[in-house]
N, C-alpha and C. Protein backbone atom coordinates (compact mmCIF):
# COMPACT_ATOMS: atom_id res chain seq x y z
N MET A 1 51.97 31.44 4.87
CA MET A 1 50.60 31.53 5.27
C MET A 1 50.52 32.43 6.49
N GLU A 2 49.62 33.38 6.45
CA GLU A 2 49.49 34.36 7.50
C GLU A 2 48.39 33.95 8.47
N SER A 3 48.67 34.02 9.77
CA SER A 3 47.66 33.66 10.76
C SER A 3 46.77 34.87 11.03
N PRO A 4 45.51 34.63 11.37
CA PRO A 4 44.61 35.75 11.62
C PRO A 4 44.99 36.48 12.90
N PRO A 5 44.66 37.77 12.99
CA PRO A 5 44.99 38.51 14.22
C PRO A 5 44.17 37.99 15.39
N ASP A 6 44.70 38.19 16.57
CA ASP A 6 44.02 37.75 17.79
C ASP A 6 42.96 38.78 18.15
N ASP A 7 41.70 38.46 17.90
CA ASP A 7 40.63 39.42 18.14
C ASP A 7 39.85 39.10 19.42
N ARG A 8 40.47 38.31 20.31
CA ARG A 8 39.83 38.00 21.58
C ARG A 8 39.88 39.21 22.50
N SER A 9 38.96 39.24 23.47
CA SER A 9 38.96 40.34 24.43
C SER A 9 40.19 40.21 25.34
N PRO A 10 40.60 41.32 25.96
CA PRO A 10 41.74 41.25 26.89
C PRO A 10 41.50 40.26 28.04
N LEU A 11 40.25 40.15 28.49
CA LEU A 11 39.94 39.21 29.56
C LEU A 11 40.15 37.77 29.10
N ALA A 12 39.76 37.46 27.88
CA ALA A 12 39.95 36.10 27.35
C ALA A 12 41.44 35.79 27.20
N ILE A 13 42.22 36.76 26.78
CA ILE A 13 43.66 36.55 26.65
C ILE A 13 44.28 36.33 28.04
N ALA A 14 43.82 37.10 29.04
CA ALA A 14 44.33 36.94 30.40
C ALA A 14 43.98 35.56 30.95
N TYR A 15 42.76 35.09 30.69
CA TYR A 15 42.38 33.75 31.13
C TYR A 15 43.26 32.68 30.47
N GLY A 16 43.56 32.87 29.20
CA GLY A 16 44.43 31.93 28.50
C GLY A 16 45.80 31.84 29.15
N TRP A 17 46.37 33.00 29.49
CA TRP A 17 47.68 33.01 30.15
C TRP A 17 47.61 32.41 31.55
N ALA A 18 46.53 32.69 32.27
CA ALA A 18 46.38 32.13 33.62
C ALA A 18 46.32 30.61 33.56
N ILE A 19 45.62 30.07 32.59
CA ILE A 19 45.54 28.61 32.44
C ILE A 19 46.90 28.03 32.10
N ARG A 20 47.65 28.70 31.25
CA ARG A 20 49.00 28.21 30.90
C ARG A 20 49.89 28.16 32.14
N VAL A 21 49.87 29.24 32.93
CA VAL A 21 50.72 29.30 34.13
C VAL A 21 50.31 28.23 35.13
N MET A 22 49.01 28.07 35.33
CA MET A 22 48.53 27.07 36.29
C MET A 22 48.86 25.65 35.82
N THR A 23 48.78 25.40 34.53
CA THR A 23 49.12 24.07 34.00
C THR A 23 50.59 23.75 34.25
N ILE A 24 51.46 24.68 33.96
CA ILE A 24 52.89 24.44 34.16
C ILE A 24 53.20 24.28 35.66
N SER A 25 52.54 25.07 36.50
CA SER A 25 52.74 24.93 37.95
C SER A 25 52.28 23.56 38.43
N ALA A 26 51.13 23.11 37.94
CA ALA A 26 50.62 21.80 38.33
C ALA A 26 51.55 20.69 37.86
N GLU A 27 52.08 20.82 36.65
CA GLU A 27 53.01 19.80 36.14
C GLU A 27 54.26 19.73 37.00
N MET A 28 54.65 20.85 37.58
CA MET A 28 55.86 20.88 38.39
C MET A 28 55.61 20.31 39.79
N VAL A 29 54.45 20.57 40.37
CA VAL A 29 54.20 20.26 41.77
C VAL A 29 53.49 18.92 41.99
N LEU A 30 52.52 18.60 41.16
CA LEU A 30 51.71 17.40 41.41
C LEU A 30 52.50 16.10 41.48
N PRO A 31 53.47 15.85 40.60
CA PRO A 31 54.23 14.60 40.75
C PRO A 31 54.95 14.50 42.10
N GLY A 32 55.46 15.62 42.59
CA GLY A 32 56.10 15.62 43.91
C GLY A 32 55.11 15.36 45.02
N LEU A 33 53.90 15.93 44.91
CA LEU A 33 52.89 15.70 45.93
C LEU A 33 52.42 14.25 45.93
N VAL A 34 52.34 13.65 44.76
CA VAL A 34 52.02 12.22 44.70
C VAL A 34 53.13 11.42 45.39
N GLY A 35 54.38 11.84 45.20
CA GLY A 35 55.49 11.19 45.89
C GLY A 35 55.41 11.33 47.39
N VAL A 36 55.01 12.51 47.86
CA VAL A 36 54.83 12.71 49.31
C VAL A 36 53.76 11.77 49.83
N TRP A 37 52.67 11.66 49.09
CA TRP A 37 51.57 10.77 49.51
C TRP A 37 52.04 9.31 49.55
N LEU A 38 52.81 8.90 48.53
CA LEU A 38 53.31 7.52 48.52
C LEU A 38 54.30 7.26 49.64
N ASP A 39 55.06 8.27 50.01
CA ASP A 39 56.06 8.11 51.07
C ASP A 39 55.44 8.11 52.47
N ALA A 40 54.19 8.42 52.60
CA ALA A 40 53.54 8.49 53.92
C ALA A 40 53.54 7.12 54.58
N GLU A 41 53.49 7.15 55.91
CA GLU A 41 53.49 5.90 56.69
C GLU A 41 52.31 5.01 56.34
N GLU A 42 51.16 5.62 56.02
CA GLU A 42 49.97 4.83 55.71
C GLU A 42 50.05 4.14 54.35
N GLN A 43 50.90 4.64 53.46
CA GLN A 43 51.01 4.07 52.12
C GLN A 43 52.19 3.08 52.08
N LEU A 44 53.33 3.56 51.62
CA LEU A 44 54.50 2.67 51.49
C LEU A 44 55.48 2.80 52.65
N GLY A 45 55.43 3.92 53.36
CA GLY A 45 56.30 4.09 54.51
C GLY A 45 57.74 4.41 54.16
N THR A 46 58.03 4.71 52.92
CA THR A 46 59.40 5.11 52.57
C THR A 46 59.62 6.53 53.05
N ARG A 47 60.87 6.91 53.19
CA ARG A 47 61.15 8.22 53.78
C ARG A 47 60.91 9.36 52.80
N PHE A 48 61.65 9.42 51.70
CA PHE A 48 61.53 10.54 50.77
C PHE A 48 61.83 10.13 49.33
N VAL A 49 61.91 8.84 49.08
CA VAL A 49 62.31 8.34 47.77
C VAL A 49 61.35 8.79 46.68
N PHE A 50 60.07 8.56 46.87
CA PHE A 50 59.10 8.90 45.84
C PHE A 50 58.88 10.40 45.72
N THR A 51 59.11 11.12 46.80
CA THR A 51 59.03 12.58 46.73
C THR A 51 60.11 13.11 45.79
N LEU A 52 61.33 12.63 45.97
CA LEU A 52 62.41 13.06 45.08
C LEU A 52 62.17 12.62 43.65
N ILE A 53 61.69 11.41 43.45
CA ILE A 53 61.39 10.93 42.10
C ILE A 53 60.30 11.79 41.47
N GLY A 54 59.27 12.12 42.26
CA GLY A 54 58.18 12.93 41.73
C GLY A 54 58.64 14.31 41.29
N PHE A 55 59.41 14.97 42.14
CA PHE A 55 59.91 16.29 41.76
C PHE A 55 60.95 16.20 40.64
N ALA A 56 61.70 15.11 40.59
CA ALA A 56 62.67 14.93 39.50
C ALA A 56 61.97 14.71 38.17
N ILE A 57 60.76 14.20 38.18
CA ILE A 57 59.97 14.04 36.96
C ILE A 57 59.21 15.33 36.65
N GLY A 58 58.66 15.97 37.67
CA GLY A 58 57.82 17.15 37.47
C GLY A 58 58.56 18.35 36.94
N LEU A 59 59.73 18.63 37.46
CA LEU A 59 60.48 19.81 37.04
C LEU A 59 60.87 19.75 35.55
N PRO A 60 61.49 18.68 35.07
CA PRO A 60 61.82 18.63 33.64
C PRO A 60 60.57 18.63 32.75
N LEU A 61 59.50 17.98 33.21
CA LEU A 61 58.26 17.97 32.44
C LEU A 61 57.72 19.39 32.28
N ALA A 62 57.70 20.16 33.36
CA ALA A 62 57.21 21.54 33.30
C ALA A 62 58.12 22.42 32.43
N LEU A 63 59.42 22.25 32.56
CA LEU A 63 60.34 23.03 31.73
C LEU A 63 60.20 22.70 30.25
N TRP A 64 60.02 21.42 29.95
CA TRP A 64 59.81 21.00 28.56
C TRP A 64 58.54 21.63 28.00
N HIS A 65 57.47 21.61 28.79
CA HIS A 65 56.21 22.21 28.36
C HIS A 65 56.36 23.71 28.19
N LEU A 66 57.07 24.38 29.08
CA LEU A 66 57.29 25.81 28.98
C LEU A 66 58.06 26.16 27.72
N LEU A 67 59.09 25.38 27.40
CA LEU A 67 59.86 25.63 26.17
C LEU A 67 59.02 25.41 24.93
N ARG A 68 58.20 24.36 24.92
CA ARG A 68 57.30 24.13 23.78
C ARG A 68 56.31 25.27 23.62
N MET A 69 55.77 25.75 24.73
CA MET A 69 54.80 26.83 24.68
C MET A 69 55.42 28.12 24.16
N THR A 70 56.60 28.47 24.65
CA THR A 70 57.23 29.70 24.20
C THR A 70 57.65 29.61 22.74
N LYS A 71 58.08 28.42 22.30
CA LYS A 71 58.43 28.25 20.89
C LYS A 71 57.19 28.41 19.99
N ALA A 72 56.06 27.88 20.43
CA ALA A 72 54.83 28.02 19.65
C ALA A 72 54.39 29.48 19.59
N ILE A 73 54.52 30.21 20.68
CA ILE A 73 54.17 31.62 20.69
C ILE A 73 55.09 32.40 19.77
N GLN A 74 56.38 32.08 19.81
CA GLN A 74 57.34 32.76 18.94
C GLN A 74 57.02 32.48 17.47
N ASN A 75 56.69 31.24 17.14
CA ASN A 75 56.35 30.91 15.76
C ASN A 75 55.09 31.62 15.32
N ASP A 76 54.10 31.74 16.21
CA ASP A 76 52.88 32.47 15.87
C ASP A 76 53.18 33.93 15.58
N ARG A 77 54.03 34.54 16.38
CA ARG A 77 54.39 35.95 16.15
C ARG A 77 55.15 36.12 14.85
N LEU A 78 56.06 35.18 14.57
CA LEU A 78 56.79 35.27 13.31
C LEU A 78 55.86 35.13 12.12
N ASN A 79 54.91 34.21 12.21
CA ASN A 79 53.96 34.03 11.12
C ASN A 79 53.06 35.24 10.96
N ARG A 80 52.64 35.82 12.08
CA ARG A 80 51.77 36.99 12.03
C ARG A 80 52.49 38.19 11.46
N ASP A 81 53.78 38.35 11.80
CA ASP A 81 54.56 39.49 11.31
C ASP A 81 55.13 39.25 9.92
N GLY A 82 54.92 38.10 9.38
CA GLY A 82 55.45 37.78 8.07
C GLY A 82 56.91 37.39 8.08
N GLY A 83 57.46 37.10 9.24
CA GLY A 83 58.85 36.66 9.35
C GLY A 83 59.83 37.79 9.14
N SER A 84 59.39 39.04 9.31
CA SER A 84 60.26 40.19 9.00
C SER A 84 61.22 40.54 10.12
N ASN A 85 61.12 39.90 11.29
CA ASN A 85 61.99 40.30 12.39
C ASN A 85 63.17 39.37 12.59
N ASN A 86 63.46 38.51 11.65
CA ASN A 86 64.67 37.68 11.64
C ASN A 86 64.85 36.84 12.89
N GLY A 87 63.77 36.26 13.40
CA GLY A 87 63.88 35.34 14.51
C GLY A 87 63.85 35.94 15.89
N THR A 88 63.75 37.26 15.97
CA THR A 88 63.64 37.88 17.29
C THR A 88 62.19 38.15 17.59
N VAL A 89 61.88 38.09 18.85
CA VAL A 89 60.50 38.30 19.28
C VAL A 89 60.40 39.66 19.90
N SER A 90 59.50 40.48 19.40
CA SER A 90 59.27 41.79 19.98
C SER A 90 58.15 41.72 20.99
N SER A 91 58.22 42.56 22.01
CA SER A 91 57.17 42.51 23.03
C SER A 91 56.10 43.54 22.80
């Protein structure tokens, strides 16, 4: 099954990529910032435990999402090209 060509304007494509980058950045940083907030003296008063836990969760989550996104893009290109490039992605 062949996917339709991308007929969006260049600005719409740029916005799509900007949203993807910002989403992955937020997934990486926000759990750590929540950990910083929890570690504050006004909250739990722990030193850095939740900060480390937050970043330890955020980094793999963002990498997993990045890998899923790149795999989906690669599959779209393969489907659009008819699978003629034997699994390599051309730029």
